[in-house]
Amino acid sequence: MNSLINIIIVLLIIGWLVGFIGFGAVVGSLIHLLLIVAVVGIIFRLLEGRKRA
């Protein structure tokens, strides 16, 4: 499950970069939504790791 979350986070960040560079303002809100979801996923992973330690 941990590797699946990492893959999803990486795909969201890559999708954000591709959309930001390739499409700019056309799909701006969707791109920023992907970035927010990726950041929330990273924060979730950090908090989850601290609980286990």
PDB file of N, CA and C in Angstrom:
ATOM      1  N   MET A   1       0.820  -1.200   0.000  1.00  0.00           N
ATOM      2  CA  MET A   1       0.000   0.000   0.000  1.00  0.00           C
ATOM      3  C   MET A   1       0.862   1.260   0.000  1.00  0.00           C
ATOM      4  N   ASN A   2       1.992   1.221   0.702  1.00  0.00           N
ATOM      5  CA  ASN A   2       2.858   2.393   0.757  1.00  0.00           C
ATOM      6  C   ASN A   2       3.409   2.747  -0.617  1.00  0.00           C
ATOM      7  N   SER A   3       3.814   1.744  -1.374  1.00  0.00           N
ATOM      8  CA  SER A   3       4.359   2.028  -2.696  1.00  0.00           C
ATOM      9  C   SER A   3       3.270   2.559  -3.635  1.00  0.00           C
ATOM     10  N   LEU A   4       2.047   2.119  -3.454  1.00  0.00           N
ATOM     11  CA  LEU A   4       0.947   2.615  -4.277  1.00  0.00           C
ATOM     12  C   LEU A   4       0.712   4.102  -4.021  1.00  0.00           C
ATOM     13  N   ILE A   5       0.766   4.513  -2.777  1.00  0.00           N
ATOM     14  CA  ILE A   5       0.595   5.931  -2.445  1.00  0.00           C
ATOM     15  C   ILE A   5       1.734   6.747  -3.039  1.00  0.00           C
ATOM     16  N   ASN A   6       2.958   6.215  -2.963  1.00  0.00           N
ATOM     17  CA  ASN A   6       4.099   6.923  -3.555  1.00  0.00           C
ATOM     18  C   ASN A   6       3.931   7.078  -5.061  1.00  0.00           C
ATOM     19  N   ILE A   7       3.465   6.051  -5.723  1.00  0.00           N
ATOM     20  CA  ILE A   7       3.259   6.110  -7.169  1.00  0.00           C
ATOM     21  C   ILE A   7       2.194   7.145  -7.513  1.00  0.00           C
ATOM     22  N   ILE A   8       1.117   7.178  -6.756  1.00  0.00           N
ATOM     23  CA  ILE A   8       0.052   8.152  -6.998  1.00  0.00           C
ATOM     24  C   ILE A   8       0.577   9.568  -6.813  1.00  0.00           C
ATOM     25  N   ILE A   9       1.367   9.795  -5.769  1.00  0.00           N
ATOM     26  CA  ILE A   9       1.924  11.127  -5.517  1.00  0.00           C
ATOM     27  C   ILE A   9       2.826  11.549  -6.670  1.00  0.00           C
ATOM     28  N   VAL A  10       3.684  10.653  -7.112  1.00  0.00           N
ATOM     29  CA  VAL A  10       4.591  10.972  -8.219  1.00  0.00           C
ATOM     30  C   VAL A  10       3.809  11.264  -9.493  1.00  0.00           C
ATOM     31  N   LEU A  11       2.792  10.465  -9.786  1.00  0.00           N
ATOM     32  CA  LEU A  11       1.985  10.695 -10.985  1.00  0.00           C
ATOM     33  C   LEU A  11       1.248  12.033 -10.929  1.00  0.00           C
ATOM     34  N   LEU A  12       0.766  12.406  -9.756  1.00  0.00           N
ATOM     35  CA  LEU A  12       0.091  13.696  -9.616  1.00  0.00           C
ATOM     36  C   LEU A  12       1.047  14.859  -9.849  1.00  0.00           C
ATOM     37  N   ILE A  13       2.254  14.743  -9.316  1.00  0.00           N
ATOM     38  CA  ILE A  13       3.237  15.809  -9.511  1.00  0.00           C
ATOM     39  C   ILE A  13       3.662  15.889 -10.974  1.00  0.00           C
ATOM     40  N   ILE A  14       3.875  14.747 -11.611  1.00  0.00           N
ATOM     41  CA  ILE A  14       4.234  14.741 -13.034  1.00  0.00           C
ATOM     42  C   ILE A  14       3.093  15.316 -13.873  1.00  0.00           C
ATOM     43  N   GLY A  15       1.862  14.929 -13.553  1.00  0.00           N
ATOM     44  CA  GLY A  15       0.707  15.478 -14.268  1.00  0.00           C
ATOM     45  C   GLY A  15       0.594  16.980 -14.098  1.00  0.00           C
ATOM     46  N   TRP A  16       0.903  17.465 -12.890  1.00  0.00           N
ATOM     47  CA  TRP A  16       0.875  18.899 -12.644  1.00  0.00           C
ATOM     48  C   TRP A  16       1.923  19.605 -13.491  1.00  0.00           C
ATOM     49  N   LEU A  17       3.142  19.049 -13.518  1.00  0.00           N
ATOM     50  CA  LEU A  17       4.214  19.668 -14.300  1.00  0.00           C
ATOM     51  C   LEU A  17       3.892  19.684 -15.791  1.00  0.00           C
ATOM     52  N   VAL A  18       3.399  18.571 -16.311  1.00  0.00           N
ATOM     53  CA  VAL A  18       3.050  18.504 -17.734  1.00  0.00           C
ATOM     54  C   VAL A  18       1.942  19.504 -18.059  1.00  0.00           C
ATOM     55  N   GLY A  19       0.936  19.566 -17.223  1.00  0.00           N
ATOM     56  CA  GLY A  19      -0.159  20.499 -17.458  1.00  0.00           C
ATOM     57  C   GLY A  19       0.269  21.946 -17.320  1.00  0.00           C
ATOM     58  N   PHE A  20       1.125  22.218 -16.358  1.00  0.00           N
ATOM     59  CA  PHE A  20       1.582  23.591 -16.125  1.00  0.00           C
ATOM     60  C   PHE A  20       2.444  24.073 -17.285  1.00  0.00           C
ATOM     61  N   ILE A  21       3.332  23.209 -17.765  1.00  0.00           N
ATOM     62  CA  ILE A  21       4.230  23.583 -18.858  1.00  0.00           C
ATOM     63  C   ILE A  21       3.501  23.546 -20.199  1.00  0.00           C
ATOM     64  N   GLY A  22       2.673  22.527 -20.402  1.00  0.00           N
ATOM     65  CA  GLY A  22       2.062  22.326 -21.706  1.00  0.00           C
ATOM     66  C   GLY A  22       0.799  23.115 -21.961  1.00  0.00           C
ATOM     67  N   PHE A  23      -0.011  23.327 -20.952  1.00  0.00           N
ATOM     68  CA  PHE A  23      -1.321  23.927 -21.191  1.00  0.00           C
ATOM     69  C   PHE A  23      -1.510  25.289 -20.545  1.00  0.00           C
ATOM     70  N   GLY A  24      -0.713  25.614 -19.562  1.00  0.00           N
ATOM     71  CA  GLY A  24      -0.765  26.938 -18.945  1.00  0.00           C
ATOM     72  C   GLY A  24      -2.118  27.275 -18.350  1.00  0.00           C
ATOM     73  N   ALA A  25      -2.731  28.335 -18.839  1.00  0.00           N
ATOM     74  CA  ALA A  25      -3.961  28.860 -18.255  1.00  0.00           C
ATOM     75  C   ALA A  25      -5.208  28.106 -18.698  1.00  0.00           C
ATOM     76  N   VAL A  26      -5.091  27.233 -19.689  1.00  0.00           N
ATOM     77  CA  VAL A  26      -6.268  26.553 -20.221  1.00  0.00           C
ATOM     78  C   VAL A  26      -6.912  25.673 -19.161  1.00  0.00           C
ATOM     79  N   VAL A  27      -6.112  24.907 -18.455  1.00  0.00           N
ATOM     80  CA  VAL A  27      -6.636  24.018 -17.415  1.00  0.00           C
ATOM     81  C   VAL A  27      -5.980  24.332 -16.077  1.00  0.00           C
ATOM     82  N   GLY A  28      -5.801  25.600 -15.802  1.00  0.00           N
ATOM     83  CA  GLY A  28      -5.076  26.055 -14.618  1.00  0.00           C
ATOM     84  C   GLY A  28      -5.654  25.543 -13.312  1.00  0.00           C
ATOM     85  N   SER A  29      -6.965  25.569 -13.163  1.00  0.00           N
ATOM     86  CA  SER A  29      -7.559  25.148 -11.893  1.00  0.00           C
ATOM     87  C   SER A  29      -7.376  23.650 -11.662  1.00  0.00           C
ATOM     88  N   LEU A  30      -7.474  22.862 -12.713  1.00  0.00           N
ATOM     89  CA  LEU A  30      -7.271  21.426 -12.582  1.00  0.00           C
ATOM     90  C   LEU A  30      -5.827  21.115 -12.199  1.00  0.00           C
ATOM     91  N   ILE A  31      -4.889  21.833 -12.782  1.00  0.00           N
ATOM     92  CA  ILE A  31      -3.477  21.625 -12.504  1.00  0.00           C
ATOM     93  C   ILE A  31      -3.184  21.931 -11.037  1.00  0.00           C
ATOM     94  N   HIS A  32      -3.725  23.011 -10.538  1.00  0.00           N
ATOM     95  CA  HIS A  32      -3.482  23.355  -9.145  1.00  0.00           C
ATOM     96  C   HIS A  32      -4.176  22.383  -8.195  1.00  0.00           C
ATOM     97  N   LEU A  33      -5.295  21.861  -8.604  1.00  0.00           N
ATOM     98  CA  LEU A  33      -5.962  20.843  -7.801  1.00  0.00           C
ATOM     99  C   LEU A  33      -5.095  19.593  -7.693  1.00  0.00           C
ATOM    100  N   LEU A  34      -4.462  19.185  -8.781  1.00  0.00           N
ATOM    101  CA  LEU A  34      -3.547  18.038  -8.746  1.00  0.00           C
ATOM    102  C   LEU A  34      -2.380  18.301  -7.803  1.00  0.00           C
ATOM    103  N   LEU A  35      -1.853  19.514  -7.824  1.00  0.00           N
ATOM    104  CA  LEU A  35      -0.746  19.851  -6.939  1.00  0.00           C
ATOM    105  C   LEU A  35      -1.177  19.789  -5.480  1.00  0.00           C
ATOM    106  N   ILE A  36      -2.342  20.293  -5.176  1.00  0.00           N
ATOM    107  CA  ILE A  36      -2.837  20.268  -3.797  1.00  0.00           C
ATOM    108  C   ILE A  36      -3.026  18.831  -3.321  1.00  0.00           C
ATOM    109  N   VAL A  37      -3.580  17.981  -4.166  1.00  0.00           N
ATOM    110  CA  VAL A  37      -3.778  16.578  -3.789  1.00  0.00           C
ATOM    111  C   VAL A  37      -2.433  15.892  -3.554  1.00  0.00           C
ATOM    112  N   ALA A  38      -1.450  16.195  -4.388  1.00  0.00           N
ATOM    113  CA  ALA A  38      -0.122  15.600  -4.212  1.00  0.00           C
ATOM    114  C   ALA A  38       0.521  16.065  -2.918  1.00  0.00           C
ATOM    115  N   VAL A  39       0.408  17.335  -2.604  1.00  0.00           N
ATOM    116  CA  VAL A  39       0.997  17.860  -1.371  1.00  0.00           C
ATOM    117  C   VAL A  39       0.304  17.257  -0.158  1.00  0.00           C
ATOM    118  N   VAL A  40      -0.998  17.131  -0.201  1.00  0.00           N
ATOM    119  CA  VAL A  40      -1.729  16.500   0.908  1.00  0.00           C
ATOM    120  C   VAL A  40      -1.273  15.049   1.073  1.00  0.00           C
ATOM    121  N   GLY A  41      -1.050  14.363  -0.041  1.00  0.00           N
ATOM    122  CA  GLY A  41      -0.551  12.989   0.028  1.00  0.00           C
ATOM    123  C   GLY A  41       0.818  12.908   0.671  1.00  0.00           C
ATOM    124  N   ILE A  42       1.697  13.841   0.343  1.00  0.00           N
ATOM    125  CA  ILE A  42       3.034  13.867   0.938  1.00  0.00           C
ATOM    126  C   ILE A  42       2.942  14.131   2.435  1.00  0.00           C
ATOM    127  N   ILE A  43       2.117  15.084   2.828  1.00  0.00           N
ATOM    128  CA  ILE A  43       1.951  15.384   4.254  1.00  0.00           C
ATOM    129  C   ILE A  43       1.376  14.184   4.992  1.00  0.00           C
ATOM    130  N   PHE A  44       0.406  13.521   4.377  1.00  0.00           N
ATOM    131  CA  PHE A  44      -0.180  12.328   4.974  1.00  0.00           C
ATOM    132  C   PHE A  44       0.879  11.255   5.206  1.00  0.00           C
ATOM    133  N   ARG A  45       1.758  11.058   4.209  1.00  0.00           N
ATOM    134  CA  ARG A  45       2.833  10.056   4.326  1.00  0.00           C
ATOM    135  C   ARG A  45       3.797  10.422   5.453  1.00  0.00           C
ATOM    136  N   LEU A  46       4.121  11.704   5.577  1.00  0.00           N
ATOM    137  CA  LEU A  46       5.037  12.125   6.633  1.00  0.00           C
ATOM    138  C   LEU A  46       4.428  11.892   8.015  1.00  0.00           C
ATOM    139  N   LEU A  47       3.162  12.239   8.164  1.00  0.00           N
ATOM    140  CA  LEU A  47       2.495  12.043   9.454  1.00  0.00           C
ATOM    141  C   LEU A  47       2.323  10.563   9.769  1.00  0.00           C
ATOM    142  N   GLU A  48       2.036   9.761   8.763  1.00  0.00           N
ATOM    143  CA  GLU A  48       1.860   8.335   8.957  1.00  0.00           C
ATOM    144  C   GLU A  48       3.177   7.683   9.386  1.00  0.00           C
ATOM    145  N   GLY A  49       4.272   8.130   8.834  1.00  0.00           N
ATOM    146  CA  GLY A  49       5.590   7.603   9.192  1.00  0.00           C
ATOM    147  C   GLY A  49       5.969   7.937  10.616  1.00  0.00           C
ATOM    148  N   ARG A  50       5.604   9.110  11.097  1.00  0.00           N
ATOM    149  CA  ARG A  50       5.920   9.516  12.470  1.00  0.00           C
ATOM    150  C   ARG A  50       5.101   8.750  13.492  1.00  0.00           C
ATOM    151  N   LYS A  51       3.883   8.385  13.145  1.00  0.00           N
ATOM    152  CA  LYS A  51       3.054   7.621  14.077  1.00  0.00           C
ATOM    153  C   LYS A  51       3.628   6.236  14.320  1.00  0.00           C
ATOM    154  N   ARG A  52       4.211   5.635  13.288  1.00  0.00           N
ATOM    155  CA  ARG A  52       4.756   4.295  13.402  1.00  0.00           C
ATOM    156  C   ARG A  52       6.068   4.270  14.166  1.00  0.00           C
ATOM    157  N   ALA A  53       6.831   5.342  14.086  1.00  0.00           N
ATOM    158  CA  ALA A  53       8.164   5.377  14.694  1.00  0.00           C
ATOM    159  C   ALA A  53       8.119   5.539  16.188  1.00  0.00           C
TER     160      ALA A  53
END
